[in-house]
């Protein structure tokens, strides 16, 4: 069994294209049912993005393929089929129903 500390701060790699999506910052949990809905990922920051607004997005739990010692592999083609803004959580667009 994994604890939340085992998952947090691991790098998330999308096996759909091999790109690093960032690091797990938090978990999306349904408190009423007590189930894990997804991983809240903080995108990696480049040098020129240092002053950019903070954004994060949720990777649905059903897209997690493998949790390793150092990385979490996910398969998320939906991030690239549509507008990636759909998956971002910001102050202007909170995740209301977690149906991402």
PDB file of N, CA and C in Angstrom:
ATOM      1  N   UNK A   1       0.836  -1.173   0.000  1.00  0.00           N
ATOM      2  CA  UNK A   1       0.000   0.000   0.000  1.00  0.00           C
ATOM      3  C   UNK A   1       0.887   1.244   0.000  1.00  0.00           C
ATOM      4  N   UNK A   2       0.481   2.246  -0.758  1.00  0.00           N
ATOM      5  CA  UNK A   2       1.215   3.501  -0.848  1.00  0.00           C
ATOM      6  C   UNK A   2       0.604   4.541   0.078  1.00  0.00           C
ATOM      7  N   UNK A   3       1.452   5.382   0.609  1.00  0.00           N
ATOM      8  CA  UNK A   3       0.961   6.522   1.379  1.00  0.00           C
ATOM      9  C   UNK A   3       1.036   7.757   0.493  1.00  0.00           C
ATOM     10  N   UNK A   4       0.419   8.841   0.940  1.00  0.00           N
ATOM     11  CA  UNK A   4       0.469  10.075   0.154  1.00  0.00           C
ATOM     12  C   UNK A   4       1.893  10.595   0.045  1.00  0.00           C
ATOM     13  N   UNK A   5       2.706  10.376   1.056  1.00  0.00           N
ATOM     14  CA  UNK A   5       4.101  10.805   1.003  1.00  0.00           C
ATOM     15  C   UNK A   5       4.892  10.041  -0.056  1.00  0.00           C
ATOM     16  N   UNK A   6       4.473   8.806  -0.360  1.00  0.00           N
ATOM     17  CA  UNK A   6       5.139   8.026  -1.399  1.00  0.00           C
ATOM     18  C   UNK A   6       4.871   8.595  -2.786  1.00  0.00           C
ATOM     19  N   UNK A   7       3.751   9.273  -2.957  1.00  0.00           N
ATOM     20  CA  UNK A   7       3.352   9.779  -4.269  1.00  0.00           C
ATOM     21  C   UNK A   7       3.764  11.229  -4.474  1.00  0.00           C
ATOM     22  N   UNK A   8       3.667  12.037  -3.433  1.00  0.00           N
ATOM     23  CA  UNK A   8       3.972  13.472  -3.579  1.00  0.00           C
ATOM     24  C   UNK A   8       5.418  13.696  -3.977  1.00  0.00           C
ATOM     25  N   UNK A   9       5.621  14.716  -4.790  1.00  0.00           N
ATOM     26  CA  UNK A   9       6.930  15.167  -5.267  1.00  0.00           C
ATOM     27  C   UNK A   9       7.598  14.209  -6.249  1.00  0.00           C
ATOM     28  N   UNK A  10       6.875  13.227  -6.756  1.00  0.00           N
ATOM     29  CA  UNK A  10       7.434  12.374  -7.804  1.00  0.00           C
ATOM     30  C   UNK A  10       7.187  13.048  -9.152  1.00  0.00           C
ATOM     31  N   UNK A  11       8.117  12.857 -10.064  1.00  0.00           N
ATOM     32  CA  UNK A  11       7.961  13.402 -11.406  1.00  0.00           C
ATOM     33  C   UNK A  11       6.922  12.581 -12.161  1.00  0.00           C
ATOM     34  N   UNK A  12       6.090  13.275 -12.934  1.00  0.00           N
ATOM     35  CA  UNK A  12       5.054  12.618 -13.729  1.00  0.00           C
ATOM     36  C   UNK A  12       5.465  12.687 -15.195  1.00  0.00           C
ATOM     37  N   UNK A  13       5.564  11.512 -15.836  1.00  0.00           N
ATOM     38  CA  UNK A  13       5.954  11.407 -17.238  1.00  0.00           C
ATOM     39  C   UNK A  13       4.765  10.879 -18.021  1.00  0.00           C
ATOM     40  N   UNK A  14       4.437  11.554 -19.121  1.00  0.00           N
ATOM     41  CA  UNK A  14       3.352  11.110 -19.983  1.00  0.00           C
ATOM     42  C   UNK A  14       3.925  10.150 -21.021  1.00  0.00           C
ATOM     43  N   UNK A  15       3.534   8.884 -20.968  1.00  0.00           N
ATOM     44  CA  UNK A  15       4.071   7.912 -21.915  1.00  0.00           C
ATOM     45  C   UNK A  15       3.479   8.109 -23.308  1.00  0.00           C
ATOM     46  N   UNK A  16       2.467   8.946 -23.431  1.00  0.00           N
ATOM     47  CA  UNK A  16       1.870   9.261 -24.725  1.00  0.00           C
ATOM     48  C   UNK A  16       2.881   9.948 -25.631  1.00  0.00           C
ATOM     49  N   UNK A  17       3.707  10.826 -25.041  1.00  0.00           N
ATOM     50  CA  UNK A  17       4.716  11.525 -25.839  1.00  0.00           C
ATOM     51  C   UNK A  17       6.080  11.601 -25.155  1.00  0.00           C
ATOM     52  N   UNK A  18       6.231  11.015 -23.972  1.00  0.00           N
ATOM     53  CA  UNK A  18       7.516  11.000 -23.276  1.00  0.00           C
ATOM     54  C   UNK A  18       7.863  12.285 -22.552  1.00  0.00           C
ATOM     55  N   UNK A  19       6.935  13.217 -22.487  1.00  0.00           N
ATOM     56  CA  UNK A  19       7.196  14.533 -21.896  1.00  0.00           C
ATOM     57  C   UNK A  19       6.969  14.519 -20.393  1.00  0.00           C
ATOM     58  N   UNK A  20       7.802  15.260 -19.682  1.00  0.00           N
ATOM     59  CA  UNK A  20       7.608  15.455 -18.252  1.00  0.00           C
ATOM     60  C   UNK A  20       6.484  16.458 -18.053  1.00  0.00           C
ATOM     61  N   UNK A  21       5.484  16.077 -17.259  1.00  0.00           N
ATOM     62  CA  UNK A  21       4.361  16.961 -16.987  1.00  0.00           C
ATOM     63  C   UNK A  21       4.580  17.800 -15.737  1.00  0.00           C
ATOM     64  N   UNK A  22       5.577  17.442 -14.945  1.00  0.00           N
ATOM     65  CA  UNK A  22       5.864  18.163 -13.716  1.00  0.00           C
ATOM     66  C   UNK A  22       5.940  17.203 -12.541  1.00  0.00           C
ATOM     67  N   UNK A  23       5.626  17.719 -11.379  1.00  0.00           N
ATOM     68  CA  UNK A  23       5.726  16.937 -10.147  1.00  0.00           C
ATOM     69  C   UNK A  23       4.401  16.936  -9.411  1.00  0.00           C
ATOM     70  N   UNK A  24       4.104  15.831  -8.749  1.00  0.00           N
ATOM     71  CA  UNK A  24       2.868  15.728  -7.983  1.00  0.00           C
ATOM     72  C   UNK A  24       2.942  16.695  -6.804  1.00  0.00           C
ATOM     73  N   UNK A  25       1.992  17.606  -6.754  1.00  0.00           N
ATOM     74  CA  UNK A  25       1.941  18.568  -5.665  1.00  0.00           C
ATOM     75  C   UNK A  25       0.887  18.221  -4.634  1.00  0.00           C
ATOM     76  N   UNK A  26      -0.146  17.517  -5.088  1.00  0.00           N
ATOM     77  CA  UNK A  26      -1.243  17.200  -4.192  1.00  0.00           C
ATOM     78  C   UNK A  26      -2.047  16.054  -4.807  1.00  0.00           C
ATOM     79  N   UNK A  27      -3.000  15.561  -4.063  1.00  0.00           N
ATOM     80  CA  UNK A  27      -3.880  14.504  -4.534  1.00  0.00           C
ATOM     81  C   UNK A  27      -5.301  15.026  -4.553  1.00  0.00           C
ATOM     82  N   UNK A  28      -6.060  14.622  -5.560  1.00  0.00           N
ATOM     83  CA  UNK A  28      -7.466  14.980  -5.660  1.00  0.00           C
ATOM     84  C   UNK A  28      -8.261  13.812  -5.098  1.00  0.00           C
ATOM     85  N   UNK A  29      -8.913  14.030  -3.957  1.00  0.00           N
ATOM     86  CA  UNK A  29      -9.607  12.967  -3.238  1.00  0.00           C
ATOM     87  C   UNK A  29     -11.069  13.343  -3.058  1.00  0.00           C
ATOM     88  N   UNK A  30     -11.948  12.369  -3.218  1.00  0.00           N
ATOM     89  CA  UNK A  30     -13.356  12.562  -2.900  1.00  0.00           C
ATOM     90  C   UNK A  30     -13.528  12.256  -1.413  1.00  0.00           C
ATOM     91  N   UNK A  31     -13.738  13.282  -0.584  1.00  0.00           N
ATOM     92  CA  UNK A  31     -13.793  13.054   0.865  1.00  0.00           C
ATOM     93  C   UNK A  31     -15.015  12.244   1.307  1.00  0.00           C
ATOM     94  N   UNK A  32     -16.094  12.320   0.548  1.00  0.00           N
ATOM     95  CA  UNK A  32     -17.302  11.575   0.938  1.00  0.00           C
ATOM     96  C   UNK A  32     -17.134  10.079   0.700  1.00  0.00           C
ATOM     97  N   UNK A  33     -16.540   9.721  -0.445  1.00  0.00           N
ATOM     98  CA  UNK A  33     -16.364   8.312  -0.777  1.00  0.00           C
ATOM     99  C   UNK A  33     -15.014   7.764  -0.331  1.00  0.00           C
ATOM    100  N   UNK A  34     -14.080   8.681  -0.050  1.00  0.00           N
ATOM    101  CA  UNK A  34     -12.754   8.256   0.374  1.00  0.00           C
ATOM    102  C   UNK A  34     -11.943   7.606  -0.727  1.00  0.00           C
ATOM    103  N   UNK A  35     -12.128   8.085  -1.971  1.00  0.00           N
ATOM    104  CA  UNK A  35     -11.378   7.511  -3.087  1.00  0.00           C
ATOM    105  C   UNK A  35     -10.496   8.564  -3.741  1.00  0.00           C
ATOM    106  N   UNK A  36      -9.427   8.095  -4.327  1.00  0.00           N
ATOM    107  CA  UNK A  36      -8.484   8.964  -5.034  1.00  0.00           C
ATOM    108  C   UNK A  36      -8.992   9.200  -6.440  1.00  0.00           C
ATOM    109  N   UNK A  37      -9.196  10.468  -6.804  1.00  0.00           N
ATOM    110  CA  UNK A  37      -9.704  10.820  -8.124  1.00  0.00           C
ATOM    111  C   UNK A  37      -8.591  11.130  -9.111  1.00  0.00           C
ATOM    112  N   UNK A  38      -7.471  11.661  -8.630  1.00  0.00           N
ATOM    113  CA  UNK A  38      -6.400  12.022  -9.543  1.00  0.00           C
ATOM    114  C   UNK A  38      -5.216  12.636  -8.840  1.00  0.00           C
ATOM    115  N   UNK A  39      -4.218  12.968  -9.657  1.00  0.00           N
ATOM    116  CA  UNK A  39      -2.997  13.608  -9.174  1.00  0.00           C
ATOM    117  C   UNK A  39      -3.006  15.070  -9.595  1.00  0.00           C
ATOM    118  N   UNK A  40      -2.750  15.965  -8.674  1.00  0.00           N
ATOM    119  CA  UNK A  40      -2.622  17.379  -8.993  1.00  0.00           C
ATOM    120  C   UNK A  40      -1.147  17.620  -9.289  1.00  0.00           C
ATOM    121  N   UNK A  41      -0.866  18.025 -10.530  1.00  0.00           N
ATOM    122  CA  UNK A  41       0.507  18.148 -11.006  1.00  0.00           C
ATOM    123  C   UNK A  41       0.874  19.608 -11.184  1.00  0.00           C
ATOM    124  N   UNK A  42       2.031  19.972 -10.651  1.00  0.00           N
ATOM    125  CA  UNK A  42       2.591  21.301 -10.854  1.00  0.00           C
ATOM    126  C   UNK A  42       3.541  21.218 -12.039  1.00  0.00           C
ATOM    127  N   UNK A  43       3.257  21.932 -13.142  1.00  0.00           N
ATOM    128  CA  UNK A  43       4.110  21.837 -14.327  1.00  0.00           C
ATOM    129  C   UNK A  43       5.529  22.308 -14.029  1.00  0.00           C
ATOM    130  N   UNK A  44       6.520  21.757 -14.769  1.00  0.00           N
ATOM    131  CA  UNK A  44       7.900  22.217 -14.574  1.00  0.00           C
ATOM    132  C   UNK A  44       8.029  23.659 -15.030  1.00  0.00           C
ATOM    133  N   UNK A  45       8.914  24.380 -14.386  1.00  0.00           N
ATOM    134  CA  UNK A  45       9.135  25.781 -14.733  1.00  0.00           C
ATOM    135  C   UNK A  45      10.473  25.928 -15.429  1.00  0.00           C
ATOM    136  N   UNK A  46      10.439  26.638 -16.526  1.00  0.00           N
ATOM    137  CA  UNK A  46      11.678  26.990 -17.208  1.00  0.00           C
ATOM    138  C   UNK A  46      12.189  28.306 -16.666  1.00  0.00           C
ATOM    139  N   UNK A  47      13.352  28.723 -17.116  1.00  0.00           N
ATOM    140  CA  UNK A  47      13.954  29.967 -16.639  1.00  0.00           C
ATOM    141  C   UNK A  47      13.060  31.172 -16.931  1.00  0.00           C
ATOM    142  N   UNK A  48      12.478  31.219 -18.134  1.00  0.00           N
ATOM    143  CA  UNK A  48      11.669  32.366 -18.516  1.00  0.00           C
ATOM    144  C   UNK A  48      10.254  32.294 -17.954  1.00  0.00           C
ATOM    145  N   UNK A  49       9.889  31.187 -17.371  1.00  0.00           N
ATOM    146  CA  UNK A  49       8.574  31.047 -16.765  1.00  0.00           C
ATOM    147  C   UNK A  49       8.618  31.314 -15.269  1.00  0.00           C
ATOM    148  N   UNK A  50       9.717  31.826 -14.773  1.00  0.00           N
ATOM    149  CA  UNK A  50       9.883  32.029 -13.339  1.00  0.00           C
ATOM    150  C   UNK A  50       8.792  32.913 -12.756  1.00  0.00           C
ATOM    151  N   UNK A  51       8.395  33.944 -13.497  1.00  0.00           N
ATOM    152  CA  UNK A  51       7.389  34.867 -12.982  1.00  0.00           C
ATOM    153  C   UNK A  51       5.998  34.592 -13.539  1.00  0.00           C
ATOM    154  N   UNK A  52       5.818  33.467 -14.202  1.00  0.00           N
ATOM    155  CA  UNK A  52       4.513  33.125 -14.763  1.00  0.00           C
ATOM    156  C   UNK A  52       3.535  32.783 -13.643  1.00  0.00           C
ATOM    157  N   UNK A  53       2.247  32.881 -13.961  1.00  0.00           N
ATOM    158  CA  UNK A  53       1.220  32.530 -12.981  1.00  0.00           C
ATOM    159  C   UNK A  53       1.315  31.059 -12.642  1.00  0.00           C
ATOM    160  N   UNK A  54       0.985  30.747 -11.412  1.00  0.00           N
ATOM    161  CA  UNK A  54       0.983  29.348 -10.998  1.00  0.00           C
ATOM    162  C   UNK A  54      -0.226  28.645 -11.603  1.00  0.00           C
ATOM    163  N   UNK A  55       0.028  27.543 -12.238  1.00  0.00           N
ATOM    164  CA  UNK A  55      -1.042  26.709 -12.762  1.00  0.00           C
ATOM    165  C   UNK A  55      -0.754  25.285 -12.333  1.00  0.00           C
ATOM    166  N   UNK A  56      -1.777  24.514 -12.272  1.00  0.00           N
ATOM    167  CA  UNK A  56      -1.632  23.101 -11.975  1.00  0.00           C
ATOM    168  C   UNK A  56      -2.771  22.402 -12.689  1.00  0.00           C
ATOM    169  N   UNK A  57      -2.634  21.125 -12.918  1.00  0.00           N
ATOM    170  CA  UNK A  57      -3.705  20.399 -13.555  1.00  0.00           C
ATOM    171  C   UNK A  57      -3.832  19.024 -12.942  1.00  0.00           C
ATOM    172  N   UNK A  58      -4.992  18.422 -13.170  1.00  0.00           N
ATOM    173  CA  UNK A  58      -5.300  17.133 -12.572  1.00  0.00           C
ATOM    174  C   UNK A  58      -5.184  16.044 -13.632  1.00  0.00           C
ATOM    175  N   UNK A  59      -4.429  15.025 -13.304  1.00  0.00           N
ATOM    176  CA  UNK A  59      -4.360  13.824 -14.126  1.00  0.00           C
ATOM    177  C   UNK A  59      -5.309  12.814 -13.482  1.00  0.00           C
ATOM    178  N   UNK A  60      -6.363  12.414 -14.186  1.00  0.00           N
ATOM    179  CA  UNK A  60      -7.299  11.445 -13.599  1.00  0.00           C
ATOM    180  C   UNK A  60      -6.594  10.148 -13.206  1.00  0.00           C
ATOM    181  N   UNK A  61      -7.016   9.560 -12.109  1.00  0.00           N
ATOM    182  CA  UNK A  61      -6.378   8.345 -11.594  1.00  0.00           C
ATOM    183  C   UNK A  61      -6.411   7.218 -12.615  1.00  0.00           C
ATOM    184  N   UNK A  62      -7.456   7.161 -13.443  1.00  0.00           N
ATOM    185  CA  UNK A  62      -7.566   6.089 -14.433  1.00  0.00           C
ATOM    186  C   UNK A  62      -6.470   6.166 -15.495  1.00  0.00           C
ATOM    187  N   UNK A  63      -5.770   7.298 -15.599  1.00  0.00           N
ATOM    188  CA  UNK A  63      -4.690   7.446 -16.577  1.00  0.00           C
ATOM    189  C   UNK A  63      -3.313   7.107 -16.003  1.00  0.00           C
ATOM    190  N   UNK A  64      -3.234   6.819 -14.711  1.00  0.00           N
ATOM    191  CA  UNK A  64      -1.969   6.426 -14.091  1.00  0.00           C
ATOM    192  C   UNK A  64      -1.684   4.975 -14.487  1.00  0.00           C
ATOM    193  N   UNK A  65      -0.487   4.754 -15.056  1.00  0.00           N
ATOM    194  CA  UNK A  65      -0.130   3.410 -15.519  1.00  0.00           C
ATOM    195  C   UNK A  65       0.840   2.692 -14.586  1.00  0.00           C
ATOM    196  N   UNK A  66       1.781   3.422 -14.010  1.00  0.00           N
ATOM    197  CA  UNK A  66       2.788   2.778 -13.153  1.00  0.00           C
ATOM    198  C   UNK A  66       3.352   3.811 -12.192  1.00  0.00           C
ATOM    199  N   UNK A  67       3.535   3.390 -10.936  1.00  0.00           N
ATOM    200  CA  UNK A  67       4.186   4.232  -9.936  1.00  0.00           C
ATOM    201  C   UNK A  67       5.505   3.566  -9.601  1.00  0.00           C
ATOM    202  N   UNK A  68       6.585   4.234  -9.985  1.00  0.00           N
ATOM    203  CA  UNK A  68       7.912   3.702  -9.730  1.00  0.00           C
ATOM    204  C   UNK A  68       8.557   4.359  -8.526  1.00  0.00           C
ATOM    205  N   UNK A  69       9.842   4.055  -8.327  1.00  0.00           N
ATOM    206  CA  UNK A  69      10.575   4.636  -7.202  1.00  0.00           C
ATOM    207  C   UNK A  69      10.773   6.139  -7.361  1.00  0.00           C
ATOM    208  N   UNK A  70      10.995   6.578  -8.614  1.00  0.00           N
ATOM    209  CA  UNK A  70      11.304   7.985  -8.860  1.00  0.00           C
ATOM    210  C   UNK A  70      10.249   8.725  -9.667  1.00  0.00           C
ATOM    211  N   UNK A  71       9.499   8.007 -10.499  1.00  0.00           N
ATOM    212  CA  UNK A  71       8.548   8.665 -11.396  1.00  0.00           C
ATOM    213  C   UNK A  71       7.207   7.946 -11.383  1.00  0.00           C
ATOM    214  N   UNK A  72       6.215   8.673 -11.860  1.00  0.00           N
ATOM    215  CA  UNK A  72       4.885   8.116 -12.087  1.00  0.00           C
ATOM    216  C   UNK A  72       4.621   8.223 -13.581  1.00  0.00           C
ATOM    217  N   UNK A  73       4.291   7.097 -14.210  1.00  0.00           N
ATOM    218  CA  UNK A  73       3.993   7.083 -15.634  1.00  0.00           C
ATOM    219  C   UNK A  73       2.489   7.163 -15.833  1.00  0.00           C
ATOM    220  N   UNK A  74       2.086   8.105 -16.669  1.00  0.00           N
ATOM    221  CA  UNK A  74       0.669   8.270 -16.986  1.00  0.00           C
ATOM    222  C   UNK A  74       0.506   8.238 -18.496  1.00  0.00           C
ATOM    223  N   UNK A  75      -0.683   7.891 -18.935  1.00  0.00           N
ATOM    224  CA  UNK A  75      -1.006   7.943 -20.356  1.00  0.00           C
ATOM    225  C   UNK A  75      -2.167   8.893 -20.515  1.00  0.00           C
ATOM    226  N   UNK A  76      -1.860  10.093 -21.001  1.00  0.00           N
ATOM    227  CA  UNK A  76      -2.867  11.138 -21.056  1.00  0.00           C
ATOM    228  C   UNK A  76      -2.894  11.795 -22.433  1.00  0.00           C
ATOM    229  N   UNK A  77      -3.452  11.112 -23.437  1.00  0.00           N
ATOM    230  CA  UNK A  77      -3.539  11.727 -24.758  1.00  0.00           C
ATOM    231  C   UNK A  77      -4.503  12.898 -24.777  1.00  0.00           C
ATOM    232  N   UNK A  78      -5.439  12.962 -23.838  1.00  0.00           N
ATOM    233  CA  UNK A  78      -6.420  14.045 -23.813  1.00  0.00           C
ATOM    234  C   UNK A  78      -5.757  15.400 -23.605  1.00  0.00           C
ATOM    235  N   UNK A  79      -4.590  15.433 -22.994  1.00  0.00           N
ATOM    236  CA  UNK A  79      -3.892  16.707 -22.811  1.00  0.00           C
ATOM    237  C   UNK A  79      -3.511  17.325 -24.141  1.00  0.00           C
ATOM    238  N   UNK A  80      -3.419  16.504 -25.177  1.00  0.00           N
ATOM    239  CA  UNK A  80      -2.952  17.010 -26.462  1.00  0.00           C
ATOM    240  C   UNK A  80      -4.014  16.948 -27.538  1.00  0.00           C
ATOM    241  N   UNK A  81      -5.130  16.266 -27.293  1.00  0.00           N
ATOM    242  CA  UNK A  81      -6.210  16.208 -28.264  1.00  0.00           C
ATOM    243  C   UNK A  81      -7.042  17.481 -28.259  1.00  0.00           C
ATOM    244  N   UNK A  82      -7.095  18.118 -27.127  1.00  0.00           N
ATOM    245  CA  UNK A  82      -7.903  19.331 -26.999  1.00  0.00           C
ATOM    246  C   UNK A  82      -7.059  20.451 -26.430  1.00  0.00           C
ATOM    247  N   UNK A  83      -7.719  21.387 -25.830  1.00  0.00           N
ATOM    248  CA  UNK A  83      -7.059  22.528 -25.218  1.00  0.00           C
ATOM    249  C   UNK A  83      -6.532  22.119 -23.855  1.00  0.00           C
ATOM    250  N   UNK A  84      -5.191  22.183 -23.631  1.00  0.00           N
ATOM    251  CA  UNK A  84      -4.679  21.801 -22.314  1.00  0.00           C
ATOM    252  C   UNK A  84      -5.230  22.667 -21.187  1.00  0.00           C
ATOM    253  N   UNK A  85      -5.766  23.838 -21.518  1.00  0.00           N
ATOM    254  CA  UNK A  85      -6.338  24.693 -20.480  1.00  0.00           C
ATOM    255  C   UNK A  85      -7.488  23.983 -19.757  1.00  0.00           C
ATOM    256  N   UNK A  86      -8.127  23.000 -20.411  1.00  0.00           N
ATOM    257  CA  UNK A  86      -9.209  22.264 -19.768  1.00  0.00           C
ATOM    258  C   UNK A  86      -8.745  21.609 -18.477  1.00  0.00           C
ATOM    259  N   UNK A  87      -7.492  21.235 -18.422  1.00  0.00           N
ATOM    260  CA  UNK A  87      -6.986  20.469 -17.296  1.00  0.00           C
ATOM    261  C   UNK A  87      -6.347  21.349 -16.230  1.00  0.00           C
ATOM    262  N   UNK A  88      -6.206  22.634 -16.512  1.00  0.00           N
ATOM    263  CA  UNK A  88      -5.538  23.508 -15.558  1.00  0.00           C
ATOM    264  C   UNK A  88      -6.505  23.959 -14.494  1.00  0.00           C
ATOM    265  N   UNK A  89      -5.995  24.063 -13.296  1.00  0.00           N
ATOM    266  CA  UNK A  89      -6.771  24.616 -12.196  1.00  0.00           C
ATOM    267  C   UNK A  89      -6.180  25.966 -11.850  1.00  0.00           C
ATOM    268  N   UNK A  90      -6.972  26.991 -11.893  1.00  0.00           N
ATOM    269  CA  UNK A  90      -6.509  28.323 -11.517  1.00  0.00           C
ATOM    270  C   UNK A  90      -7.562  28.935 -10.619  1.00  0.00           C
ATOM    271  N   UNK A  91      -7.256  30.111 -10.110  1.00  0.00           N
ATOM    272  CA  UNK A  91      -8.236  30.786  -9.273  1.00  0.00           C
ATOM    273  C   UNK A  91      -9.494  31.111 -10.074  1.00  0.00           C
ATOM    274  N   UNK A  92      -9.338  31.418 -11.374  1.00  0.00           N
ATOM    275  CA  UNK A  92     -10.475  31.768 -12.191  1.00  0.00           C
ATOM    276  C   UNK A  92     -11.283  30.540 -12.600  1.00  0.00           C
ATOM    277  N   UNK A  93     -10.638  29.367 -12.634  1.00  0.00           N
ATOM    278  CA  UNK A  93     -11.348  28.164 -13.073  1.00  0.00           C
ATOM    279  C   UNK A  93     -11.115  27.031 -12.080  1.00  0.00           C
ATOM    280  N   UNK A  94     -11.849  27.015 -10.989  1.00  0.00           N
ATOM    281  CA  UNK A  94     -11.681  25.925 -10.020  1.00  0.00           C
ATOM    282  C   UNK A  94     -12.258  24.635 -10.579  1.00  0.00           C
ATOM    283  N   UNK A  95     -11.777  23.545 -10.075  1.00  0.00           N
ATOM    284  CA  UNK A  95     -12.281  22.231 -10.488  1.00  0.00           C
ATOM    285  C   UNK A  95     -13.471  21.901  -9.605  1.00  0.00           C
ATOM    286  N   UNK A  96     -14.666  22.081 -10.149  1.00  0.00           N
ATOM    287  CA  UNK A  96     -15.872  21.897  -9.359  1.00  0.00           C
ATOM    288  C   UNK A  96     -16.238  20.428  -9.161  1.00  0.00           C
ATOM    289  N   UNK A  97     -16.339  19.702 -10.257  1.00  0.00           N
ATOM    290  CA  UNK A  97     -16.886  18.355 -10.160  1.00  0.00           C
ATOM    291  C   UNK A  97     -15.862  17.260 -10.356  1.00  0.00           C
ATOM    292  N   UNK A  98     -14.625  17.587 -10.604  1.00  0.00           N
ATOM    293  CA  UNK A  98     -13.529  16.633 -10.759  1.00  0.00           C
ATOM    294  C   UNK A  98     -13.743  15.682 -11.925  1.00  0.00           C
ATOM    295  N   UNK A  99     -14.623  16.025 -12.848  1.00  0.00           N
ATOM    296  CA  UNK A  99     -14.843  15.189 -14.030  1.00  0.00           C
ATOM    297  C   UNK A  99     -14.006  15.705 -15.183  1.00  0.00           C
ATOM    298  N   UNK A 100     -12.736  15.498 -15.086  1.00  0.00           N
ATOM    299  CA  UNK A 100     -11.815  15.998 -16.097  1.00  0.00           C
ATOM    300  C   UNK A 100     -11.439  14.880 -17.017  1.00  0.00           C
TER     301      UNK A 100
END
